[in-house]
PDB file of N, CA and C in Angstrom:
ATOM      1  N   MET A   1       0.850  -1.178   0.000  1.00  0.00           N
ATOM      2  CA  MET A   1       0.000   0.000   0.000  1.00  0.00           C
ATOM      3  C   MET A   1       0.893   1.238   0.000  1.00  0.00           C
ATOM      4  N   ASP A   2       0.555   2.201  -0.814  1.00  0.00           N
ATOM      5  CA  ASP A   2       1.261   3.479  -0.829  1.00  0.00           C
ATOM      6  C   ASP A   2       0.544   4.407   0.147  1.00  0.00           C
ATOM      7  N   TRP A   3       1.015   4.449   1.381  1.00  0.00           N
ATOM      8  CA  TRP A   3       0.330   5.192   2.436  1.00  0.00           C
ATOM      9  C   TRP A   3       0.385   6.694   2.219  1.00  0.00           C
ATOM     10  N   VAL A   4       1.369   7.170   1.477  1.00  0.00           N
ATOM     11  CA  VAL A   4       1.452   8.606   1.182  1.00  0.00           C
ATOM     12  C   VAL A   4       0.248   9.052   0.369  1.00  0.00           C
ATOM     13  N   LYS A   5      -0.195   8.193  -0.535  1.00  0.00           N
ATOM     14  CA  LYS A   5      -1.293   8.541  -1.437  1.00  0.00           C
ATOM     15  C   LYS A   5      -2.647   8.010  -0.975  1.00  0.00           C
ATOM     16  N   ALA A   6      -2.662   7.242   0.094  1.00  0.00           N
ATOM     17  CA  ALA A   6      -3.909   6.629   0.566  1.00  0.00           C
ATOM     18  C   ALA A   6      -4.848   7.674   1.167  1.00  0.00           C
ATOM     19  N   SER A   7      -6.122   7.453   0.983  1.00  0.00           N
ATOM     20  CA  SER A   7      -7.157   8.306   1.570  1.00  0.00           C
ATOM     21  C   SER A   7      -7.186   8.113   3.085  1.00  0.00           C
ATOM     22  N   ALA A   8      -7.547   9.156   3.795  1.00  0.00           N
ATOM     23  CA  ALA A   8      -7.661   9.072   5.252  1.00  0.00           C
ATOM     24  C   ALA A   8      -8.667   8.014   5.680  1.00  0.00           C
ATOM     25  N   SER A   9      -9.630   7.718   4.823  1.00  0.00           N
ATOM     26  CA  SER A   9     -10.661   6.737   5.168  1.00  0.00           C
ATOM     27  C   SER A   9     -10.260   5.301   4.828  1.00  0.00           C
ATOM     28  N   THR A  10      -9.041   5.102   4.344  1.00  0.00           N
ATOM     29  CA  THR A  10      -8.563   3.758   4.022  1.00  0.00           C
ATOM     30  C   THR A  10      -8.564   2.898   5.280  1.00  0.00           C
ATOM     31  N   LEU A  11      -9.165   1.721   5.183  1.00  0.00           N
ATOM     32  CA  LEU A  11      -9.197   0.812   6.329  1.00  0.00           C
ATOM     33  C   LEU A  11      -7.835   0.171   6.543  1.00  0.00           C
ATOM     34  N   VAL A  12      -7.368   0.252   7.760  1.00  0.00           N
ATOM     35  CA  VAL A  12      -6.126  -0.402   8.154  1.00  0.00           C
ATOM     36  C   VAL A  12      -6.466  -1.745   8.786  1.00  0.00           C
ATOM     37  N   CYS A  13      -7.459  -1.740   9.663  1.00  0.00           N
ATOM     38  CA  CYS A  13      -7.919  -2.953  10.331  1.00  0.00           C
ATOM     39  C   CYS A  13      -9.434  -3.030  10.170  1.00  0.00           C
ATOM     40  N   GLU A  14      -9.856  -3.801   9.182  1.00  0.00           N
ATOM     41  CA  GLU A  14     -11.274  -3.869   8.836  1.00  0.00           C
ATOM     42  C   GLU A  14     -12.141  -4.377   9.982  1.00  0.00           C
ATOM     43  N   GLU A  15     -11.671  -5.414  10.682  1.00  0.00           N
ATOM     44  CA  GLU A  15     -12.504  -6.002  11.732  1.00  0.00           C
ATOM     45  C   GLU A  15     -12.769  -5.036  12.887  1.00  0.00           C
ATOM     46  N   LYS A  16     -11.887  -4.075  13.105  1.00  0.00           N
ATOM     47  CA  LYS A  16     -12.084  -3.082  14.168  1.00  0.00           C
ATOM     48  C   LYS A  16     -12.554  -1.739  13.612  1.00  0.00           C
ATOM     49  N   GLY A  17     -12.569  -1.611  12.285  1.00  0.00           N
ATOM     50  CA  GLY A  17     -12.990  -0.359  11.665  1.00  0.00           C
ATOM     51  C   GLY A  17     -11.957   0.752  11.783  1.00  0.00           C
ATOM     52  N   THR A  18     -10.708   0.381  11.995  1.00  0.00           N
ATOM     53  CA  THR A  18      -9.632   1.358  12.165  1.00  0.00           C
ATOM     54  C   THR A  18      -9.179   1.881  10.812  1.00  0.00           C
ATOM     55  N   THR A  19      -9.157   3.202  10.684  1.00  0.00           N
ATOM     56  CA  THR A  19      -8.767   3.832   9.424  1.00  0.00           C
ATOM     57  C   THR A  19      -7.380   4.466   9.539  1.00  0.00           C
ATOM     58  N   LEU A  20      -6.856   4.845   8.390  1.00  0.00           N
ATOM     59  CA  LEU A  20      -5.592   5.575   8.360  1.00  0.00           C
ATOM     60  C   LEU A  20      -5.723   6.859   9.178  1.00  0.00           C
ATOM     61  N   ARG A  21      -6.861   7.505   9.099  1.00  0.00           N
ATOM     62  CA  ARG A  21      -7.116   8.722   9.888  1.00  0.00           C
ATOM     63  C   ARG A  21      -6.925   8.443  11.380  1.00  0.00           C
ATOM     64  N   ASP A  22      -7.419   7.307  11.860  1.00  0.00           N
ATOM     65  CA  ASP A  22      -7.279   6.949  13.275  1.00  0.00           C
ATOM     66  C   ASP A  22      -5.810   6.811  13.667  1.00  0.00           C
ATOM     67  N   VAL A  23      -5.042   6.162  12.802  1.00  0.00           N
ATOM     68  CA  VAL A  23      -3.622   5.952  13.087  1.00  0.00           C
ATOM     69  C   VAL A  23      -2.890   7.293  13.105  1.00  0.00           C
ATOM     70  N   VAL A  24      -3.146   8.132  12.111  1.00  0.00           N
ATOM     71  CA  VAL A  24      -2.482   9.439  12.055  1.00  0.00           C
ATOM     72  C   VAL A  24      -2.902  10.299  13.246  1.00  0.00           C
ATOM     73  N   GLN A  25      -4.155  10.221  13.658  1.00  0.00           N
ATOM     74  CA  GLN A  25      -4.588  10.961  14.845  1.00  0.00           C
ATOM     75  C   GLN A  25      -3.834  10.472  16.073  1.00  0.00           C
ATOM     76  N   GLY A  26      -3.601   9.166  16.148  1.00  0.00           N
ATOM     77  CA  GLY A  26      -2.811   8.626  17.255  1.00  0.00           C
ATOM     78  C   GLY A  26      -1.403   9.196  17.273  1.00  0.00           C
ATOM     79  N   ILE A  27      -0.817   9.345  16.087  1.00  0.00           N
ATOM     80  CA  ILE A  27       0.508   9.958  15.985  1.00  0.00           C
ATOM     81  C   ILE A  27       0.433  11.417  16.440  1.00  0.00           C
ATOM     82  N   MET A  28      -0.598  12.120  16.002  1.00  0.00           N
ATOM     83  CA  MET A  28      -0.786  13.520  16.413  1.00  0.00           C
ATOM     84  C   MET A  28      -0.932  13.628  17.936  1.00  0.00           C
ATOM     85  N   ASP A  29      -1.488  12.590  18.543  1.00  0.00           N
ATOM     86  CA  ASP A  29      -1.687  12.574  19.995  1.00  0.00           C
ATOM     87  C   ASP A  29      -0.446  12.098  20.752  1.00  0.00           C
ATOM     88  N   GLY A  30       0.649  11.812  20.016  1.00  0.00           N
ATOM     89  CA  GLY A  30       1.913  11.498  20.670  1.00  0.00           C
ATOM     90  C   GLY A  30       2.456  10.097  20.500  1.00  0.00           C
ATOM     91  N   ALA A  31       1.703   9.191  19.913  1.00  0.00           N
ATOM     92  CA  ALA A  31       2.201   7.825  19.729  1.00  0.00           C
ATOM     93  C   ALA A  31       3.247   7.801  18.617  1.00  0.00           C
ATOM     94  N   GLU A  32       4.348   7.085  18.854  1.00  0.00           N
ATOM     95  CA  GLU A  32       5.400   6.987  17.847  1.00  0.00           C
ATOM     96  C   GLU A  32       5.841   5.556  17.586  1.00  0.00           C
ATOM     97  N   THR A  33       5.309   4.608  18.336  1.00  0.00           N
ATOM     98  CA  THR A  33       5.689   3.208  18.136  1.00  0.00           C
ATOM     99  C   THR A  33       4.444   2.386  17.819  1.00  0.00           C
ATOM    100  N   PRO A  34       4.642   1.236  17.171  1.00  0.00           N
ATOM    101  CA  PRO A  34       3.491   0.368  16.908  1.00  0.00           C
ATOM    102  C   PRO A  34       2.748  -0.001  18.193  1.00  0.00           C
ATOM    103  N   GLU A  35       3.500  -0.254  19.255  1.00  0.00           N
ATOM    104  CA  GLU A  35       2.876  -0.642  20.520  1.00  0.00           C
ATOM    105  C   GLU A  35       1.984   0.478  21.065  1.00  0.00           C
ATOM    106  N   GLU A  36       2.461   1.709  20.974  1.00  0.00           N
ATOM    107  CA  GLU A  36       1.667   2.842  21.467  1.00  0.00           C
ATOM    108  C   GLU A  36       0.392   3.028  20.650  1.00  0.00           C
ATOM    109  N   ILE A  37       0.521   2.927  19.332  1.00  0.00           N
ATOM    110  CA  ILE A  37      -0.654   3.059  18.456  1.00  0.00           C
ATOM    111  C   ILE A  37      -1.639   1.939  18.734  1.00  0.00           C
ATOM    112  N   MET A  38      -1.133   0.716  18.835  1.00  0.00           N
ATOM    113  CA  MET A  38      -2.019  -0.430  19.036  1.00  0.00           C
ATOM    114  C   MET A  38      -2.742  -0.335  20.375  1.00  0.00           C
ATOM    115  N   GLU A  39      -2.055   0.132  21.395  1.00  0.00           N
ATOM    116  CA  GLU A  39      -2.710   0.311  22.696  1.00  0.00           C
ATOM    117  C   GLU A  39      -3.764   1.417  22.609  1.00  0.00           C
ATOM    118  N   MET A  40      -3.402   2.513  21.975  1.00  0.00           N
ATOM    119  CA  MET A  40      -4.306   3.656  21.850  1.00  0.00           C
ATOM    120  C   MET A  40      -5.581   3.282  21.090  1.00  0.00           C
ATOM    121  N   LEU A  41      -5.432   2.432  20.062  1.00  0.00           N
ATOM    122  CA  LEU A  41      -6.560   2.065  19.202  1.00  0.00           C
ATOM    123  C   LEU A  41      -7.172   0.718  19.571  1.00  0.00           C
ATOM    124  N   ASP A  42      -6.711   0.134  20.673  1.00  0.00           N
ATOM    125  CA  ASP A  42      -7.214  -1.151  21.148  1.00  0.00           C
ATOM    126  C   ASP A  42      -7.079  -2.243  20.090  1.00  0.00           C
ATOM    127  N   LEU A  43      -5.902  -2.285  19.454  1.00  0.00           N
ATOM    128  CA  LEU A  43      -5.614  -3.326  18.468  1.00  0.00           C
ATOM    129  C   LEU A  43      -4.696  -4.363  19.087  1.00  0.00           C
ATOM    130  N   LYS A  44      -4.804  -5.583  18.594  1.00  0.00           N
ATOM    131  CA  LYS A  44      -3.923  -6.667  19.018  1.00  0.00           C
ATOM    132  C   LYS A  44      -3.043  -7.051  17.834  1.00  0.00           C
ATOM    133  N   GLY A  45      -1.893  -7.606  18.111  1.00  0.00           N
ATOM    134  CA  GLY A  45      -0.972  -8.014  17.056  1.00  0.00           C
ATOM    135  C   GLY A  45      -1.563  -9.039  16.114  1.00  0.00           C
ATOM    136  N   THR A  46      -2.587  -9.745  16.573  1.00  0.00           N
ATOM    137  CA  THR A  46      -3.221 -10.769  15.739  1.00  0.00           C
ATOM    138  C   THR A  46      -4.342 -10.211  14.871  1.00  0.00           C
ATOM    139  N   ASP A  47      -4.732  -8.949  15.087  1.00  0.00           N
ATOM    140  CA  ASP A  47      -5.785  -8.339  14.271  1.00  0.00           C
ATOM    141  C   ASP A  47      -5.288  -8.169  12.841  1.00  0.00           C
ATOM    142  N   LYS A  48      -6.136  -8.542  11.890  1.00  0.00           N
ATOM    143  CA  LYS A  48      -5.779  -8.403  10.484  1.00  0.00           C
ATOM    144  C   LYS A  48      -5.535  -6.931  10.168  1.00  0.00           C
ATOM    145  N   GLY A  49      -4.384  -6.633   9.607  1.00  0.00           N
ATOM    146  CA  GLY A  49      -4.018  -5.267   9.264  1.00  0.00           C
ATOM    147  C   GLY A  49      -3.070  -4.630  10.268  1.00  0.00           C
ATOM    148  N   ALA A  50      -2.969  -5.201  11.465  1.00  0.00           N
ATOM    149  CA  ALA A  50      -2.082  -4.634  12.484  1.00  0.00           C
ATOM    150  C   ALA A  50      -0.626  -4.648  12.025  1.00  0.00           C
ATOM    151  N   ASP A  51      -0.299  -5.575  11.143  1.00  0.00           N
ATOM    152  CA  ASP A  51       1.073  -5.658  10.641  1.00  0.00           C
ATOM    153  C   ASP A  51       1.445  -4.471   9.748  1.00  0.00           C
ATOM    154  N   GLN A  52       0.455  -3.663   9.354  1.00  0.00           N
ATOM    155  CA  GLN A  52       0.710  -2.493   8.516  1.00  0.00           C
ATOM    156  C   GLN A  52       1.080  -1.256   9.332  1.00  0.00           C
ATOM    157  N   ILE A  53       0.875  -1.308  10.633  1.00  0.00           N
ATOM    158  CA  ILE A  53       1.110  -0.150  11.495  1.00  0.00           C
ATOM    159  C   ILE A  53       2.558   0.359  11.396  1.00  0.00           C
ATOM    160  N   PRO A  54       3.586  -0.500  11.483  1.00  0.00           N
ATOM    161  CA  PRO A  54       4.959   0.023  11.389  1.00  0.00           C
ATOM    162  C   PRO A  54       5.228   0.778  10.085  1.00  0.00           C
ATOM    163  N   GLU A  55       4.712   0.271   8.985  1.00  0.00           N
ATOM    164  CA  GLU A  55       4.903   0.935   7.692  1.00  0.00           C
ATOM    165  C   GLU A  55       4.231   2.312   7.683  1.00  0.00           C
ATOM    166  N   ILE A  56       3.047   2.396   8.253  1.00  0.00           N
ATOM    167  CA  ILE A  56       2.334   3.677   8.330  1.00  0.00           C
ATOM    168  C   ILE A  56       3.117   4.658   9.202  1.00  0.00           C
ATOM    169  N   LEU A  57       3.632   4.179  10.319  1.00  0.00           N
ATOM    170  CA  LEU A  57       4.413   5.044  11.203  1.00  0.00           C
ATOM    171  C   LEU A  57       5.669   5.544  10.508  1.00  0.00           C
ATOM    172  N   ASP A  58       6.319   4.681   9.724  1.00  0.00           N
ATOM    173  CA  ASP A  58       7.521   5.091   8.992  1.00  0.00           C
ATOM    174  C   ASP A  58       7.240   6.279   8.079  1.00  0.00           C
ATOM    175  N   VAL A  59       6.033   6.343   7.542  1.00  0.00           N
ATOM    176  CA  VAL A  59       5.653   7.433   6.644  1.00  0.00           C
ATOM    177  C   VAL A  59       5.226   8.670   7.425  1.00  0.00           C
ATOM    178  N   PHE A  60       4.367   8.497   8.418  1.00  0.00           N
ATOM    179  CA  PHE A  60       3.699   9.649   9.021  1.00  0.00           C
ATOM    180  C   PHE A  60       4.342  10.231  10.274  1.00  0.00           C
ATOM    181  N   VAL A  61       5.114   9.463  11.034  1.00  0.00           N
ATOM    182  CA  VAL A  61       5.757  10.040  12.225  1.00  0.00           C
ATOM    183  C   VAL A  61       6.697  11.186  11.833  1.00  0.00           C
ATOM    184  N   PRO A  62       7.562  11.018  10.822  1.00  0.00           N
ATOM    185  CA  PRO A  62       8.425  12.149  10.440  1.00  0.00           C
ATOM    186  C   PRO A  62       7.636  13.369   9.960  1.00  0.00           C
ATOM    187  N   VAL A  63       6.551  13.131   9.247  1.00  0.00           N
ATOM    188  CA  VAL A  63       5.729  14.237   8.750  1.00  0.00           C
ATOM    189  C   VAL A  63       5.116  15.004   9.921  1.00  0.00           C
ATOM    190  N   VAL A  64       4.519  14.283  10.851  1.00  0.00           N
ATOM    191  CA  VAL A  64       3.879  14.924  12.006  1.00  0.00           C
ATOM    192  C   VAL A  64       4.920  15.637  12.862  1.00  0.00           C
ATOM    193  N   ASN A  65       6.080  15.010  13.078  1.00  0.00           N
ATOM    194  CA  ASN A  65       7.122  15.649  13.879  1.00  0.00           C
ATOM    195  C   ASN A  65       7.634  16.922  13.215  1.00  0.00           C
ATOM    196  N   ALA A  66       7.805  16.899  11.894  1.00  0.00           N
ATOM    197  CA  ALA A  66       8.244  18.099  11.168  1.00  0.00           C
ATOM    198  C   ALA A  66       7.193  19.192  11.281  1.00  0.00           C
ATOM    199  N   TRP A  67       5.950  18.817  11.158  1.00  0.00           N
ATOM    200  CA  TRP A  67       4.857  19.782  11.256  1.00  0.00           C
ATOM    201  C   TRP A  67       4.803  20.399  12.650  1.00  0.00           C
ATOM    202  N   LYS A  68       4.917  19.549  13.681  1.00  0.00           N
ATOM    203  CA  LYS A  68       4.835  20.036  15.060  1.00  0.00           C
ATOM    204  C   LYS A  68       6.016  20.930  15.429  1.00  0.00           C
ATOM    205  N   SER A  69       7.191  20.647  14.865  1.00  0.00           N
ATOM    206  CA  SER A  69       8.389  21.414  15.214  1.00  0.00           C
ATOM    207  C   SER A  69       8.542  22.680  14.385  1.00  0.00           C
ATOM    208  N   GLY A  70       7.645  22.875  13.443  1.00  0.00           N
ATOM    209  CA  GLY A  70       7.733  24.056  12.595  1.00  0.00           C
ATOM    210  C   GLY A  70       8.644  23.858  11.405  1.00  0.00           C
ATOM    211  N   GLY A  71       9.150  22.635  11.229  1.00  0.00           N
ATOM    212  CA  GLY A  71      10.039  22.339  10.114  1.00  0.00           C
ATOM    213  C   GLY A  71       9.298  22.122   8.814  1.00  0.00           C
ATOM    214  N   CYS A  72       8.005  22.165   8.871  1.00  0.00           N
ATOM    215  CA  CYS A  72       7.179  21.963   7.685  1.00  0.00           C
ATOM    216  C   CYS A  72       6.306  23.194   7.521  1.00  0.00           C
ATOM    217  N   GLY A  73       6.188  23.662   6.305  1.00  0.00           N
ATOM    218  CA  GLY A  73       5.376  24.841   6.052  1.00  0.00           C
ATOM    219  C   GLY A  73       3.893  24.557   6.029  1.00  0.00           C
ATOM    220  N   GLY A  74       3.507  23.309   6.254  1.00  0.00           N
ATOM    221  CA  GLY A  74       2.095  22.959   6.292  1.00  0.00           C
ATOM    222  C   GLY A  74       1.523  22.536   4.964  1.00  0.00           C
ATOM    223  N   GLY A  75       2.358  22.436   3.972  1.00  0.00           N
ATOM    224  CA  GLY A  75       1.893  21.992   2.661  1.00  0.00           C
ATOM    225  C   GLY A  75       3.048  21.406   1.891  1.00  0.00           C
ATOM    226  N   CYS A  76       2.761  20.722   0.831  1.00  0.00           N
ATOM    227  CA  CYS A  76       3.829  20.052   0.094  1.00  0.00           C
ATOM    228  C   CYS A  76       4.219  20.770  -1.192  1.00  0.00           C
ATOM    229  N   SER A  77       3.573  21.880  -1.529  1.00  0.00           N
ATOM    230  CA  SER A  77       3.989  22.586  -2.732  1.00  0.00           C
ATOM    231  C   SER A  77       5.343  23.228  -2.454  1.00  0.00           C
ATOM    232  N   GLY A  78       6.301  22.927  -3.283  1.00  0.00           N
ATOM    233  CA  GLY A  78       7.647  23.438  -3.093  1.00  0.00           C
ATOM    234  C   GLY A  78       8.456  22.651  -2.090  1.00  0.00           C
ATOM    235  N   CYS A  79       7.878  21.608  -1.550  1.00  0.00           N
ATOM    236  CA  CYS A  79       8.544  20.775  -0.553  1.00  0.00           C
ATOM    237  C   CYS A  79       9.468  19.786  -1.250  1.00  0.00           C
ATOM    238  N   SER A  80      10.584  19.488  -0.623  1.00  0.00           N
ATOM    239  CA  SER A  80      11.497  18.493  -1.192  1.00  0.00           C
ATOM    240  C   SER A  80      10.971  17.083  -0.995  1.00  0.00           C
ATOM    241  N   GLY A  81       9.981  16.929  -0.140  1.00  0.00           N
ATOM    242  CA  GLY A  81       9.383  15.615   0.080  1.00  0.00           C
ATOM    243  C   GLY A  81      10.136  14.751   1.057  1.00  0.00           C
ATOM    244  N   SER A  82      11.183  15.282   1.682  1.00  0.00           N
ATOM    245  CA  SER A  82      12.010  14.458   2.551  1.00  0.00           C
ATOM    246  C   SER A  82      11.278  13.969   3.794  1.00  0.00           C
ATOM    247  N   CYS A  83      10.204  14.638   4.197  1.00  0.00           N
ATOM    248  CA  CYS A  83       9.513  14.210   5.413  1.00  0.00           C
ATOM    249  C   CYS A  83       8.637  12.989   5.181  1.00  0.00           C
ATOM    250  N   CYS A  84       8.342  12.660   3.939  1.00  0.00           N
ATOM    251  CA  CYS A  84       7.495  11.487   3.703  1.00  0.00           C
ATOM    252  C   CYS A  84       8.205  10.457   2.836  1.00  0.00           C
ATOM    253  N   GLY A  85       9.513  10.556   2.754  1.00  0.00           N
ATOM    254  CA  GLY A  85      10.290   9.531   2.081  1.00  0.00           C
ATOM    255  C   GLY A  85      10.250   9.565   0.576  1.00  0.00           C
ATOM    256  N   GLU A  86       9.729  10.625  -0.004  1.00  0.00           N
ATOM    257  CA  GLU A  86       9.697  10.695  -1.468  1.00  0.00           C
ATOM    258  C   GLU A  86      10.936  11.369  -1.989  1.00  0.00           C
TER     259      GLU A  86
END
């Protein structure tokens, strides 16, 4: 899955109804590890889709951290793309 281009409503864990938006909100709320996200969203390692959490974090934790620290102008026009691995 190309998480950079995925819609916020993309299901990460269908059985729990967890979306990409939920995971990114967890990052915004301070979670930076798969364990923190899974605890925050009440996911178990055996839940289908839980194995995608590390990949999502690899994409979005740097973006959120850059945004929070002021290192991101809040948009990607003119951006080098380094915060999302592009």
